[in-house]
Protein backbone atom coordinates (compact mmCIF):
# COMPACT_ATOMS: atom_id res chain seq x y z
CA UNK A 1 -55.32 28.33 33.38
CA UNK A 2 -54.98 28.50 29.64
CA UNK A 3 -56.82 26.61 26.75
CA UNK A 4 -55.87 27.23 23.13
CA UNK A 5 -58.57 29.50 21.33
CA UNK A 6 -59.07 26.60 18.63
CA UNK A 7 -60.28 24.62 21.60
CA UNK A 8 -62.31 27.16 23.43
CA UNK A 9 -63.46 30.43 22.02
CA UNK A 10 -64.98 32.18 25.28
CA UNK A 11 -67.90 34.21 23.42
CA UNK A 12 -69.02 30.96 21.72
CA UNK A 13 -68.45 28.79 24.84
CA UNK A 14 -69.98 31.11 27.63
CA UNK A 15 -72.66 33.07 25.66
CA UNK A 16 -74.63 30.69 23.65
CA UNK A 17 -77.09 29.05 26.02
CA UNK A 18 -75.25 26.52 27.97
CA UNK A 19 -74.81 28.71 31.05
CA UNK A 20 -76.09 31.75 32.47
CA UNK A 21 -73.25 32.54 35.03
CA UNK A 22 -71.05 35.26 32.91
CA UNK A 23 -71.12 38.89 32.68
CA UNK A 24 -69.09 40.67 30.08
CA UNK A 25 -67.08 43.54 31.64
CA UNK A 26 -64.84 44.54 28.65
CA UNK A 27 -64.17 43.44 25.13
CA UNK A 28 -63.06 39.81 25.42
CA UNK A 29 -63.52 39.60 29.06
CA UNK A 30 -66.02 37.99 31.31
CA UNK A 31 -66.63 37.61 34.98
CA UNK A 32 -68.32 34.55 36.18
CA UNK A 33 -69.02 32.61 39.54
CA UNK A 34 -68.65 28.88 39.37
CA UNK A 35 -69.37 27.03 42.75
CA UNK A 36 -67.45 29.56 45.27
CA UNK A 37 -65.00 30.84 42.81
CA UNK A 38 -65.07 34.21 41.05
CA UNK A 39 -63.35 33.75 37.75
CA UNK A 40 -62.12 36.23 35.25
CA UNK A 41 -62.03 34.90 31.79
CA UNK A 42 -60.08 36.46 29.03
CA UNK A 43 -59.86 35.79 25.23
CA UNK A 44 -56.58 36.30 23.50
CA UNK A 45 -55.88 35.51 19.84
CA UNK A 46 -54.07 32.50 21.07
CA UNK A 47 -55.71 31.31 24.17
CA UNK A 48 -58.57 31.43 26.73
CA UNK A 49 -57.03 32.42 30.04
CA UNK A 50 -58.86 31.99 33.35
CA UNK A 51 -57.99 33.68 36.45
CA UNK A 52 -59.32 33.53 40.08
CA UNK A 53 -60.40 36.55 41.58
CA UNK A 54 -61.16 35.68 44.99
CA UNK A 55 -59.58 33.43 47.56
CA UNK A 56 -60.29 29.53 47.06
CA UNK A 57 -57.82 26.74 47.48
CA UNK A 58 -59.69 24.43 45.23
CA UNK A 59 -60.05 26.82 42.13
CA UNK A 60 -57.71 25.06 39.70
CA UNK A 61 -59.63 21.78 39.99
CA UNK A 62 -63.08 23.52 39.65
CA UNK A 63 -62.09 25.42 36.60
CA UNK A 64 -60.38 22.28 35.05
CA UNK A 65 -63.88 20.51 35.80
CA UNK A 66 -65.93 23.45 34.60
CA UNK A 67 -64.23 23.77 31.18
CA UNK A 68 -64.15 19.97 30.73
CA UNK A 69 -60.16 19.81 30.76
CA UNK A 70 -60.20 16.30 32.25
CA UNK A 71 -63.10 14.83 30.57
CA UNK A 72 -62.74 11.06 29.78
CA UNK A 73 -64.00 11.71 26.25
CA UNK A 74 -62.00 14.89 25.63
CA UNK A 75 -62.90 14.85 21.76
CA UNK A 76 -66.51 15.17 22.84
CA UNK A 77 -66.11 18.20 25.01
CA UNK A 78 -65.51 20.33 21.92
CA UNK A 79 -68.79 20.43 19.99
CA UNK A 80 -67.60 22.57 17.11
CA UNK A 81 -64.66 24.81 16.39
CA UNK A 82 -63.85 26.84 19.68
CA UNK A 83 -67.05 25.54 21.38
CA UNK A 84 -66.61 23.65 24.58
CA UNK A 85 -69.41 21.93 26.62
CA UNK A 86 -69.16 22.97 30.22
CA UNK A 87 -69.67 20.80 33.12
CA UNK A 88 -71.79 23.03 35.68
CA UNK A 89 -73.17 22.01 38.96
CA UNK A 90 -76.11 19.91 38.34
CA UNK A 91 -78.57 21.55 40.80
CA UNK A 92 -77.65 25.08 39.33
CA UNK A 93 -78.22 23.65 35.72
CA UNK A 94 -81.54 22.36 36.39
CA UNK A 95 -82.82 25.17 38.05
CA UNK A 96 -81.27 27.76 35.47
CA UNK A 97 -83.04 25.92 32.80
CA UNK A 98 -86.42 25.99 34.60
CA UNK A 99 -86.17 29.82 34.61
CA UNK A 100 -87.73 30.18 31.25
CA UNK A 101 -90.51 27.92 30.16
CA UNK A 102 -89.66 28.52 26.58
CA UNK A 103 -87.28 25.60 25.66
CA UNK A 104 -85.93 27.09 22.44
CA UNK A 105 -82.37 28.43 22.34
CA UNK A 106 -83.13 31.88 21.17
CA UNK A 107 -81.53 35.06 22.12
CA UNK A 108 -84.48 36.27 24.04
CA UNK A 109 -84.83 32.81 26.09
CA UNK A 110 -81.00 33.02 26.88
CA UNK A 111 -81.60 36.73 28.32
CA UNK A 112 -84.65 35.58 30.21
CA UNK A 113 -82.60 32.95 31.87
CA UNK A 114 -79.72 35.04 32.65
CA UNK A 115 -81.72 37.73 33.97
CA UNK A 116 -83.72 35.45 36.42
CA UNK A 117 -80.70 33.25 37.67
CA UNK A 118 -78.98 36.63 38.38
CA UNK A 119 -82.16 37.53 40.39
CA UNK A 120 -81.98 34.23 42.18
CA UNK A 121 -78.21 34.88 43.11
CA UNK A 122 -78.74 38.28 44.41
CA UNK A 123 -81.68 37.64 46.72
CA UNK A 124 -80.96 34.16 47.83
CA UNK A 125 -77.21 33.38 47.20
CA UNK A 126 -74.11 34.43 49.36
CA UNK A 127 -72.16 37.47 48.01
CA UNK A 128 -68.82 36.62 47.17
CA UNK A 129 -67.28 40.29 46.64
CA UNK A 130 -67.29 43.35 44.45
CA UNK A 131 -65.28 42.89 40.95
CA UNK A 132 -65.17 45.43 38.31
CA UNK A 133 -67.68 47.71 40.38
CA UNK A 134 -70.53 44.65 40.40
CA UNK A 135 -71.40 42.54 43.36
CA UNK A 136 -71.07 38.66 42.26
CA UNK A 137 -72.94 36.14 44.02
CA UNK A 138 -72.89 32.38 44.37
CA UNK A 139 -75.69 30.41 43.04
CA UNK A 140 -78.15 29.57 46.01
CA UNK A 141 -78.08 26.18 47.51
CA UNK A 142 -81.15 23.99 47.49
CA UNK A 143 -81.56 24.77 51.43
CA UNK A 144 -81.43 28.64 50.45
CA UNK A 145 -83.87 28.28 47.65
CA UNK A 146 -86.40 26.31 49.89
CA UNK A 147 -87.06 29.40 51.68
CA UNK A 148 -88.48 31.10 48.80
CA UNK A 149 -92.31 30.94 47.76
CA UNK A 150 -93.68 31.02 44.26
CA UNK A 151 -95.26 34.38 45.11
CA UNK A 152 -91.69 35.59 45.89
CA UNK A 153 -90.43 34.35 42.70
CA UNK A 154 -93.21 36.05 40.66
CA UNK A 155 -92.27 39.41 42.48
CA UNK A 156 -88.83 38.95 41.00
CA UNK A 157 -90.09 38.60 37.42
CA UNK A 158 -90.56 34.97 37.36
CA UNK A 159 -93.64 33.72 35.40
CA UNK A 160 -96.33 31.62 37.12
CA UNK A 161 -95.22 28.45 35.49
CA UNK A 162 -91.48 28.82 36.16
CA UNK A 163 -91.97 29.92 39.81
CA UNK A 164 -94.37 26.78 40.35
CA UNK A 165 -91.62 24.56 38.67
CA UNK A 166 -88.72 25.93 40.74
CA UNK A 167 -90.62 25.41 44.06
CA UNK A 168 -91.78 22.11 43.36
CA UNK A 169 -88.47 20.82 42.09
CA UNK A 170 -86.71 22.25 45.08
CA UNK A 171 -89.15 20.43 47.42
CA UNK A 172 -89.01 17.23 45.46
CA UNK A 173 -85.15 17.28 45.84
CA UNK A 174 -85.17 18.04 49.56
CA UNK A 175 -86.69 14.66 49.88
CA UNK A 176 -84.15 12.79 48.22
CA UNK A 177 -80.33 12.11 49.31
CA UNK A 178 -78.48 15.31 49.42
CA UNK A 179 -76.16 13.97 46.64
CA UNK A 180 -78.86 12.68 44.56
CA UNK A 181 -78.21 14.80 41.29
CA UNK A 182 -74.45 14.40 41.53
CA UNK A 183 -75.09 10.64 41.82
CA UNK A 184 -76.43 10.47 38.24
CA UNK A 185 -72.90 11.94 36.96
CA UNK A 186 -71.61 9.61 34.35
CA UNK A 187 -68.54 9.14 36.43
CA UNK A 188 -70.58 7.91 39.39
CA UNK A 189 -73.41 5.48 37.77
CA UNK A 190 -73.48 2.77 35.46
CA UNK A 191 -76.80 4.40 34.10
CA UNK A 192 -76.76 4.92 30.17
CA UNK A 193 -77.35 8.48 29.15
CA UNK A 194 -80.91 7.70 28.16
CA UNK A 195 -81.57 6.43 31.60
CA UNK A 196 -80.19 9.44 33.08
CA UNK A 197 -82.49 11.59 31.05
CA UNK A 198 -85.33 9.62 32.04
CA UNK A 199 -84.42 9.88 35.75
CA UNK A 200 -84.31 13.67 35.60
CA UNK A 201 -87.82 13.77 33.98
CA UNK A 202 -89.42 12.61 37.24
CA UNK A 203 -89.04 16.33 38.35
CA UNK A 204 -91.71 18.63 38.24
CA UNK A 205 -91.81 20.74 34.98
CA UNK A 206 -88.82 18.78 33.33
CA UNK A 207 -89.55 17.61 29.98
CA UNK A 208 -87.42 15.77 27.53
CA UNK A 209 -85.64 18.83 26.51
CA UNK A 210 -84.58 20.34 29.69
CA UNK A 211 -83.48 16.71 30.89
CA UNK A 212 -81.11 16.51 27.85
CA UNK A 213 -79.55 19.92 28.44
CA UNK A 214 -79.01 19.08 32.37
CA UNK A 215 -77.73 15.91 31.29
CA UNK A 216 -75.35 17.23 28.68
CA UNK A 217 -74.26 20.41 30.45
CA UNK A 218 -73.70 19.07 34.16
CA UNK A 219 -73.77 15.07 34.11
CA UNK A 220 -71.18 14.40 31.23
CA UNK A 221 -73.58 12.47 29.12
CA UNK A 222 -71.61 13.27 25.90
CA UNK A 223 -72.48 10.49 23.56
CA UNK A 224 -75.55 9.67 21.45
CA UNK A 225 -78.15 11.30 19.34
CA UNK A 226 -79.21 13.79 22.05
CA UNK A 227 -75.62 15.15 22.41
CA UNK A 228 -75.62 15.68 18.70
CA UNK A 229 -79.10 17.59 18.64
CA UNK A 230 -78.08 19.79 21.43
CA UNK A 231 -74.56 20.57 20.04
CA UNK A 232 -76.09 21.41 16.61
CA UNK A 233 -78.37 23.92 18.33
CA UNK A 234 -75.23 25.51 20.12
CA UNK A 235 -73.24 25.46 16.95
CA UNK A 236 -76.23 26.90 15.14
CA UNK A 237 -76.28 29.84 17.67
CA UNK A 238 -72.46 30.38 17.14
CA UNK A 239 -72.97 30.69 13.31
CA UNK A 240 -75.41 33.31 13.90
CA UNK A 241 -73.39 36.10 15.98
CA UNK A 242 -76.63 38.02 16.90
CA UNK A 243 -77.59 34.82 18.71
CA UNK A 244 -74.90 35.53 21.36
CA UNK A 245 -75.83 37.51 24.29
């Protein structure tokens, strides 16, 4: 799959605080896990190129959805030059943003979220194989994370607050329908973006800011003031190259 560089600069899209799924393996190359797929993403002067590294029949659909290639409001999927709004799995997105209690989009916060989501993958997710000399793991399912305790998360480097949020949110979700978060996607509901954000705030530890991020980065809530505010933060991180991981 190819996307013109003017529409998708991988450094600016993958490493500025939207997602925490990608590891840079070489200059202008990243490997990341999306759903059950392991992708290699390469940046050339003209295109962002995405290749599948493991066997998965549905990989093209997953990649197109992740990079918002089929977004109904395609003009909104690119928030500033070369930066696309990714569309992640809502459960993974929600837990990832709860991995650090600091909601500011700083390089320190992004590193903390990346490290902690990696630890969740390694300890609770399924290994998908070895690529570029590293093991890559699928993000754990709700069922897999339900087996972890606050004490176990703290032993992995999570703060008391973050561990408490994650354990309680997983427990809340277990008492809802299996498809509850996916049902909030704009393509599946008549709810407004504001209503979706409010719905997300019912979960323990999820305030306005985390709810806005999850709505934008996994539920296709493109439009409105909140989208512009979060997009501005991402573009500000791009403007300061030191803010990229």
